Amino acid sequence: MSVVEAPFPGTISEILVKVGDSVKEDDEMIIIEAMKMKNPLVSPADGKVKEIKVKEQEEVQTGQVLAVIE
């Protein structure tokens, strides 16, 4: 099991996957906005999206788990 974590505080501007989607390592999953810049967060491994723990426009903190891949 792998997780996608917020690398810095910001706002979730877009979620590009849904539960059940298959992802490959380095596929873009979530767009986080910080300091007026949009930054894509990618899958750390191949797998299936098991859980998405955030919603669009939600504020997140560094290290917060955003999604789980199995």
PDB file of N, CA and C in Angstrom:
ATOM      1  N   MET A   1       0.845  -1.181   0.000  1.00  0.00           N
ATOM      2  CA  MET A   1       0.000   0.000   0.000  1.00  0.00           C
ATOM      3  C   MET A   1       0.889   1.244   0.000  1.00  0.00           C
ATOM      4  N   SER A   2       0.489   2.240  -0.777  1.00  0.00           N
ATOM      5  CA  SER A   2       1.212   3.506  -0.863  1.00  0.00           C
ATOM      6  C   SER A   2       0.245   4.645  -0.587  1.00  0.00           C
ATOM      7  N   VAL A   3       0.798   5.787  -0.204  1.00  0.00           N
ATOM      8  CA  VAL A   3      -0.044   6.958   0.037  1.00  0.00           C
ATOM      9  C   VAL A   3       0.506   8.163  -0.720  1.00  0.00           C
ATOM     10  N   VAL A   4      -0.389   9.075  -1.053  1.00  0.00           N
ATOM     11  CA  VAL A   4      -0.013  10.365  -1.613  1.00  0.00           C
ATOM     12  C   VAL A   4      -0.195  11.370  -0.482  1.00  0.00           C
ATOM     13  N   GLU A   5       0.890  12.077  -0.129  1.00  0.00           N
ATOM     14  CA  GLU A   5       0.849  13.052   0.957  1.00  0.00           C
ATOM     15  C   GLU A   5       1.058  14.453   0.412  1.00  0.00           C
ATOM     16  N   ALA A   6       0.545  15.432   1.129  1.00  0.00           N
ATOM     17  CA  ALA A   6       0.764  16.830   0.771  1.00  0.00           C
ATOM     18  C   ALA A   6       2.214  17.190   1.101  1.00  0.00           C
ATOM     19  N   PRO A   7       2.983  17.667   0.116  1.00  0.00           N
ATOM     20  CA  PRO A   7       4.383  18.024   0.373  1.00  0.00           C
ATOM     21  C   PRO A   7       4.529  19.378   1.066  1.00  0.00           C
ATOM     22  N   PHE A   8       3.455  20.156   1.068  1.00  0.00           N
ATOM     23  CA  PHE A   8       3.435  21.488   1.678  1.00  0.00           C
ATOM     24  C   PHE A   8       1.983  21.882   1.905  1.00  0.00           C
ATOM     25  N   PRO A   9       1.732  22.901   2.746  1.00  0.00           N
ATOM     26  CA  PRO A   9       0.353  23.332   2.944  1.00  0.00           C
ATOM     27  C   PRO A   9      -0.212  23.969   1.677  1.00  0.00           C
ATOM     28  N   GLY A  10      -1.484  23.770   1.433  1.00  0.00           N
ATOM     29  CA  GLY A  10      -2.107  24.356   0.251  1.00  0.00           C
ATOM     30  C   GLY A  10      -3.576  24.007   0.176  1.00  0.00           C
ATOM     31  N   THR A  11      -4.149  24.233  -1.008  1.00  0.00           N
ATOM     32  CA  THR A  11      -5.557  23.955  -1.261  1.00  0.00           C
ATOM     33  C   THR A  11      -5.660  22.961  -2.409  1.00  0.00           C
ATOM     34  N   ILE A  12      -6.518  21.955  -2.251  1.00  0.00           N
ATOM     35  CA  ILE A  12      -6.739  20.980  -3.324  1.00  0.00           C
ATOM     36  C   ILE A  12      -7.548  21.677  -4.408  1.00  0.00           C
ATOM     37  N   SER A  13      -6.955  21.867  -5.591  1.00  0.00           N
ATOM     38  CA  SER A  13      -7.696  22.562  -6.648  1.00  0.00           C
ATOM     39  C   SER A  13      -8.390  21.587  -7.591  1.00  0.00           C
ATOM     40  N   GLU A  14      -7.842  20.357  -7.726  1.00  0.00           N
ATOM     41  CA  GLU A  14      -8.477  19.390  -8.624  1.00  0.00           C
ATOM     42  C   GLU A  14      -8.063  17.978  -8.231  1.00  0.00           C
ATOM     43  N   ILE A  15      -9.027  17.058  -8.290  1.00  0.00           N
ATOM     44  CA  ILE A  15      -8.752  15.631  -8.079  1.00  0.00           C
ATOM     45  C   ILE A  15      -8.968  14.951  -9.421  1.00  0.00           C
ATOM     46  N   LEU A  16      -7.910  14.331  -9.933  1.00  0.00           N
ATOM     47  CA  LEU A  16      -7.923  13.800 -11.297  1.00  0.00           C
ATOM     48  C   LEU A  16      -8.304  12.317 -11.375  1.00  0.00           C
ATOM     49  N   VAL A  17      -8.419  11.645 -10.234  1.00  0.00           N
ATOM     50  CA  VAL A  17      -8.745  10.214 -10.206  1.00  0.00           C
ATOM     51  C   VAL A  17      -9.929   9.993  -9.275  1.00  0.00           C
ATOM     52  N   LYS A  18     -10.504   8.801  -9.366  1.00  0.00           N
ATOM     53  CA  LYS A  18     -11.557   8.435  -8.425  1.00  0.00           C
ATOM     54  C   LYS A  18     -11.267   7.039  -7.879  1.00  0.00           C
ATOM     55  N   VAL A  19     -11.949   6.694  -6.801  1.00  0.00           N
ATOM     56  CA  VAL A  19     -11.762   5.383  -6.177  1.00  0.00           C
ATOM     57  C   VAL A  19     -12.023   4.296  -7.213  1.00  0.00           C
ATOM     58  N   GLY A  20     -11.125   3.322  -7.273  1.00  0.00           N
ATOM     59  CA  GLY A  20     -11.260   2.219  -8.226  1.00  0.00           C
ATOM     60  C   GLY A  20     -10.423   2.392  -9.481  1.00  0.00           C
ATOM     61  N   ASP A  21      -9.958   3.617  -9.744  1.00  0.00           N
ATOM     62  CA  ASP A  21      -9.112   3.860 -10.924  1.00  0.00           C
ATOM     63  C   ASP A  21      -7.773   3.155 -10.770  1.00  0.00           C
ATOM     64  N   SER A  22      -7.253   2.629 -11.871  1.00  0.00           N
ATOM     65  CA  SER A  22      -5.890   2.099 -11.895  1.00  0.00           C
ATOM     66  C   SER A  22      -4.948   3.237 -12.220  1.00  0.00           C
ATOM     67  N   VAL A  23      -3.815   3.280 -11.508  1.00  0.00           N
ATOM     68  CA  VAL A  23      -2.803   4.305 -11.762  1.00  0.00           C
ATOM     69  C   VAL A  23      -1.442   3.648 -11.923  1.00  0.00           C
ATOM     70  N   LYS A  24      -0.605   4.309 -12.669  1.00  0.00           N
ATOM     71  CA  LYS A  24       0.792   3.877 -12.832  1.00  0.00           C
ATOM     72  C   LYS A  24       1.670   4.862 -12.063  1.00  0.00           C
ATOM     73  N   GLU A  25       2.861   4.413 -11.697  1.00  0.00           N
ATOM     74  CA  GLU A  25       3.805   5.300 -11.031  1.00  0.00           C
ATOM     75  C   GLU A  25       4.000   6.570 -11.861  1.00  0.00           C
ATOM     76  N   ASP A  26       3.979   7.707 -11.215  1.00  0.00           N
ATOM     77  CA  ASP A  26       4.153   9.037 -11.814  1.00  0.00           C
ATOM     78  C   ASP A  26       2.916   9.565 -12.550  1.00  0.00           C
ATOM     79  N   ASP A  27       1.774   8.850 -12.512  1.00  0.00           N
ATOM     80  CA  ASP A  27       0.528   9.416 -13.053  1.00  0.00           C
ATOM     81  C   ASP A  27       0.089  10.563 -12.144  1.00  0.00           C
ATOM     82  N   GLU A  28      -0.365  11.669 -12.743  1.00  0.00           N
ATOM     83  CA  GLU A  28      -0.886  12.777 -11.952  1.00  0.00           C
ATOM     84  C   GLU A  28      -2.209  12.368 -11.318  1.00  0.00           C
ATOM     85  N   MET A  29      -2.344  12.658 -10.014  1.00  0.00           N
ATOM     86  CA  MET A  29      -3.543  12.267  -9.285  1.00  0.00           C
ATOM     87  C   MET A  29      -4.315  13.460  -8.721  1.00  0.00           C
ATOM     88  N   ILE A  30      -3.573  14.414  -8.168  1.00  0.00           N
ATOM     89  CA  ILE A  30      -4.190  15.534  -7.462  1.00  0.00           C
ATOM     90  C   ILE A  30      -3.406  16.795  -7.794  1.00  0.00           C
ATOM     91  N   ILE A  31      -4.124  17.906  -7.966  1.00  0.00           N
ATOM     92  CA  ILE A  31      -3.473  19.201  -8.167  1.00  0.00           C
ATOM     93  C   ILE A  31      -3.649  19.995  -6.875  1.00  0.00           C
ATOM     94  N   ILE A  32      -2.525  20.438  -6.301  1.00  0.00           N
ATOM     95  CA  ILE A  32      -2.556  21.238  -5.081  1.00  0.00           C
ATOM     96  C   ILE A  32      -2.061  22.644  -5.422  1.00  0.00           C
ATOM     97  N   GLU A  33      -2.747  23.640  -4.898  1.00  0.00           N
ATOM     98  CA  GLU A  33      -2.373  25.026  -5.172  1.00  0.00           C
ATOM     99  C   GLU A  33      -1.773  25.642  -3.918  1.00  0.00           C
ATOM    100  N   ALA A  34      -0.597  26.235  -4.098  1.00  0.00           N
ATOM    101  CA  ALA A  34       0.081  26.916  -2.995  1.00  0.00           C
ATOM    102  C   ALA A  34       0.818  28.116  -3.577  1.00  0.00           C
ATOM    103  N   MET A  35       0.722  29.235  -2.922  1.00  0.00           N
ATOM    104  CA  MET A  35       1.374  30.464  -3.374  1.00  0.00           C
ATOM    105  C   MET A  35       1.034  30.775  -4.833  1.00  0.00           C
ATOM    106  N   LYS A  36      -0.237  30.605  -5.179  1.00  0.00           N
ATOM    107  CA  LYS A  36      -0.771  30.882  -6.526  1.00  0.00           C
ATOM    108  C   LYS A  36      -0.172  30.011  -7.625  1.00  0.00           C
ATOM    109  N   MET A  37       0.495  28.917  -7.251  1.00  0.00           N
ATOM    110  CA  MET A  37       1.031  27.972  -8.245  1.00  0.00           C
ATOM    111  C   MET A  37       0.313  26.640  -8.085  1.00  0.00           C
ATOM    112  N   LYS A  38      -0.020  26.030  -9.223  1.00  0.00           N
ATOM    113  CA  LYS A  38      -0.663  24.715  -9.204  1.00  0.00           C
ATOM    114  C   LYS A  38       0.419  23.660  -9.394  1.00  0.00           C
ATOM    115  N   ASN A  39       0.444  22.682  -8.493  1.00  0.00           N
ATOM    116  CA  ASN A  39       1.465  21.646  -8.495  1.00  0.00           C
ATOM    117  C   ASN A  39       0.811  20.273  -8.566  1.00  0.00           C
ATOM    118  N   PRO A  40       1.168  19.472  -9.577  1.00  0.00           N
ATOM    119  CA  PRO A  40       0.598  18.124  -9.656  1.00  0.00           C
ATOM    120  C   PRO A  40       1.271  17.180  -8.657  1.00  0.00           C
ATOM    121  N   LEU A  41       0.472  16.365  -8.004  1.00  0.00           N
ATOM    122  CA  LEU A  41       0.996  15.307  -7.147  1.00  0.00           C
ATOM    123  C   LEU A  41       0.773  13.994  -7.882  1.00  0.00           C
ATOM    124  N   VAL A  42       1.818  13.166  -7.907  1.00  0.00           N
ATOM    125  CA  VAL A  42       1.775  11.950  -8.717  1.00  0.00           C
ATOM    126  C   VAL A  42       1.727  10.700  -7.851  1.00  0.00           C
ATOM    127  N   SER A  43       1.320   9.616  -8.477  1.00  0.00           N
ATOM    128  CA  SER A  43       1.266   8.329  -7.799  1.00  0.00           C
ATOM    129  C   SER A  43       2.689   7.840  -7.508  1.00  0.00           C
ATOM    130  N   PRO A  44       2.943   7.376  -6.278  1.00  0.00           N
ATOM    131  CA  PRO A  44       4.269   6.861  -5.948  1.00  0.00           C
ATOM    132  C   PRO A  44       4.506   5.436  -6.450  1.00  0.00           C
ATOM    133  N   ALA A  45       3.445   4.760  -6.918  1.00  0.00           N
ATOM    134  CA  ALA A  45       3.570   3.362  -7.346  1.00  0.00           C
ATOM    135  C   ALA A  45       2.393   2.989  -8.244  1.00  0.00           C
ATOM    136  N   ASP A  46       2.542   1.863  -8.959  1.00  0.00           N
ATOM    137  CA  ASP A  46       1.429   1.307  -9.717  1.00  0.00           C
ATOM    138  C   ASP A  46       0.411   0.733  -8.733  1.00  0.00           C
ATOM    139  N   GLY A  47      -0.860   0.814  -9.078  1.00  0.00           N
ATOM    140  CA  GLY A  47      -1.878   0.219  -8.222  1.00  0.00           C
ATOM    141  C   GLY A  47      -3.261   0.733  -8.542  1.00  0.00           C
ATOM    142  N   LYS A  48      -4.160   0.533  -7.593  1.00  0.00           N
ATOM    143  CA  LYS A  48      -5.547   0.957  -7.729  1.00  0.00           C
ATOM    144  C   LYS A  48      -5.850   1.953  -6.606  1.00  0.00           C
ATOM    145  N   VAL A  49      -6.590   3.010  -6.945  1.00  0.00           N
ATOM    146  CA  VAL A  49      -6.950   4.008  -5.944  1.00  0.00           C
ATOM    147  C   VAL A  49      -7.957   3.373  -4.978  1.00  0.00           C
ATOM    148  N   LYS A  50      -7.545   3.247  -3.716  1.00  0.00           N
ATOM    149  CA  LYS A  50      -8.396   2.624  -2.706  1.00  0.00           C
ATOM    150  C   LYS A  50      -9.243   3.666  -1.982  1.00  0.00           C
ATOM    151  N   GLU A  51      -8.645   4.853  -1.761  1.00  0.00           N
ATOM    152  CA  GLU A  51      -9.334   5.853  -0.953  1.00  0.00           C
ATOM    153  C   GLU A  51      -8.838   7.242  -1.339  1.00  0.00           C
ATOM    154  N   ILE A  52      -9.752   8.200  -1.379  1.00  0.00           N
ATOM    155  CA  ILE A  52      -9.393   9.607  -1.546  1.00  0.00           C
ATOM    156  C   ILE A  52      -9.882  10.303  -0.286  1.00  0.00           C
ATOM    157  N   LYS A  53      -8.962  10.912   0.450  1.00  0.00           N
ATOM    158  CA  LYS A  53      -9.277  11.435   1.774  1.00  0.00           C
ATOM    159  C   LYS A  53      -9.535  12.935   1.798  1.00  0.00           C
ATOM    160  N   VAL A  54      -9.582  13.573   0.630  1.00  0.00           N
ATOM    161  CA  VAL A  54      -9.808  15.025   0.574  1.00  0.00           C
ATOM    162  C   VAL A  54     -10.854  15.349  -0.485  1.00  0.00           C
ATOM    163  N   LYS A  55     -11.331  16.582  -0.444  1.00  0.00           N
ATOM    164  CA  LYS A  55     -12.270  17.085  -1.447  1.00  0.00           C
ATOM    165  C   LYS A  55     -11.650  18.317  -2.104  1.00  0.00           C
ATOM    166  N   GLU A  56     -12.119  18.653  -3.306  1.00  0.00           N
ATOM    167  CA  GLU A  56     -11.642  19.859  -3.977  1.00  0.00           C
ATOM    168  C   GLU A  56     -11.957  21.076  -3.112  1.00  0.00           C
ATOM    169  N   GLN A  57     -11.054  22.040  -3.117  1.00  0.00           N
ATOM    170  CA  GLN A  57     -11.117  23.290  -2.339  1.00  0.00           C
ATOM    171  C   GLN A  57     -10.807  23.104  -0.856  1.00  0.00           C
ATOM    172  N   GLU A  58     -10.442  21.884  -0.453  1.00  0.00           N
ATOM    173  CA  GLU A  58     -10.086  21.638   0.951  1.00  0.00           C
ATOM    174  C   GLU A  58      -8.666  22.130   1.219  1.00  0.00           C
ATOM    175  N   GLU A  59      -8.474  22.757   2.379  1.00  0.00           N
ATOM    176  CA  GLU A  59      -7.136  23.178   2.814  1.00  0.00           C
ATOM    177  C   GLU A  59      -6.439  21.959   3.428  1.00  0.00           C
ATOM    178  N   VAL A  60      -5.166  21.756   3.077  1.00  0.00           N
ATOM    179  CA  VAL A  60      -4.410  20.619   3.613  1.00  0.00           C
ATOM    180  C   VAL A  60      -3.092  21.111   4.210  1.00  0.00           C
ATOM    181  N   GLN A  61      -2.528  20.283   5.076  1.00  0.00           N
ATOM    182  CA  GLN A  61      -1.268  20.604   5.747  1.00  0.00           C
ATOM    183  C   GLN A  61      -0.164  19.653   5.278  1.00  0.00           C
ATOM    184  N   THR A  62       1.074  20.057   5.458  1.00  0.00           N
ATOM    185  CA  THR A  62       2.229  19.235   5.099  1.00  0.00           C
ATOM    186  C   THR A  62       2.110  17.857   5.752  1.00  0.00           C
ATOM    187  N   GLY A  63       2.307  16.804   4.947  1.00  0.00           N
ATOM    188  CA  GLY A  63       2.291  15.440   5.458  1.00  0.00           C
ATOM    189  C   GLY A  63       0.910  14.813   5.549  1.00  0.00           C
ATOM    190  N   GLN A  64      -0.139  15.580   5.295  1.00  0.00           N
ATOM    191  CA  GLN A  64      -1.498  15.029   5.349  1.00  0.00           C
ATOM    192  C   GLN A  64      -1.684  14.014   4.223  1.00  0.00           C
ATOM    193  N   VAL A  65      -2.263  12.858   4.555  1.00  0.00           N
ATOM    194  CA  VAL A  65      -2.524  11.820   3.555  1.00  0.00           C
ATOM    195  C   VAL A  65      -3.723  12.251   2.715  1.00  0.00           C
ATOM    196  N   LEU A  66      -3.521  12.296   1.395  1.00  0.00           N
ATOM    197  CA  LEU A  66      -4.558  12.744   0.473  1.00  0.00           C
ATOM    198  C   LEU A  66      -5.258  11.576  -0.212  1.00  0.00           C
ATOM    199  N   ALA A  67      -4.481  10.515  -0.506  1.00  0.00           N
ATOM    200  CA  ALA A  67      -5.050   9.354  -1.202  1.00  0.00           C
ATOM    201  C   ALA A  67      -4.254   8.103  -0.830  1.00  0.00           C
ATOM    202  N   VAL A  68      -4.937   6.953  -0.932  1.00  0.00           N
ATOM    203  CA  VAL A  68      -4.317   5.662  -0.642  1.00  0.00           C
ATOM    204  C   VAL A  68      -4.407   4.798  -1.897  1.00  0.00           C
ATOM    205  N   ILE A  69      -3.279   4.146  -2.222  1.00  0.00           N
ATOM    206  CA  ILE A  69      -3.197   3.259  -3.391  1.00  0.00           C
ATOM    207  C   ILE A  69      -2.844   1.871  -2.913  1.00  0.00           C
ATOM    208  N   GLU A  70      -3.522   0.854  -3.467  1.00  0.00           N
ATOM    209  CA  GLU A  70      -3.136  -0.522  -3.103  1.00  0.00           C
ATOM    210  C   GLU A  70      -2.807  -1.317  -4.337  1.00  0.00           C
TER     211      GLU A  70
END
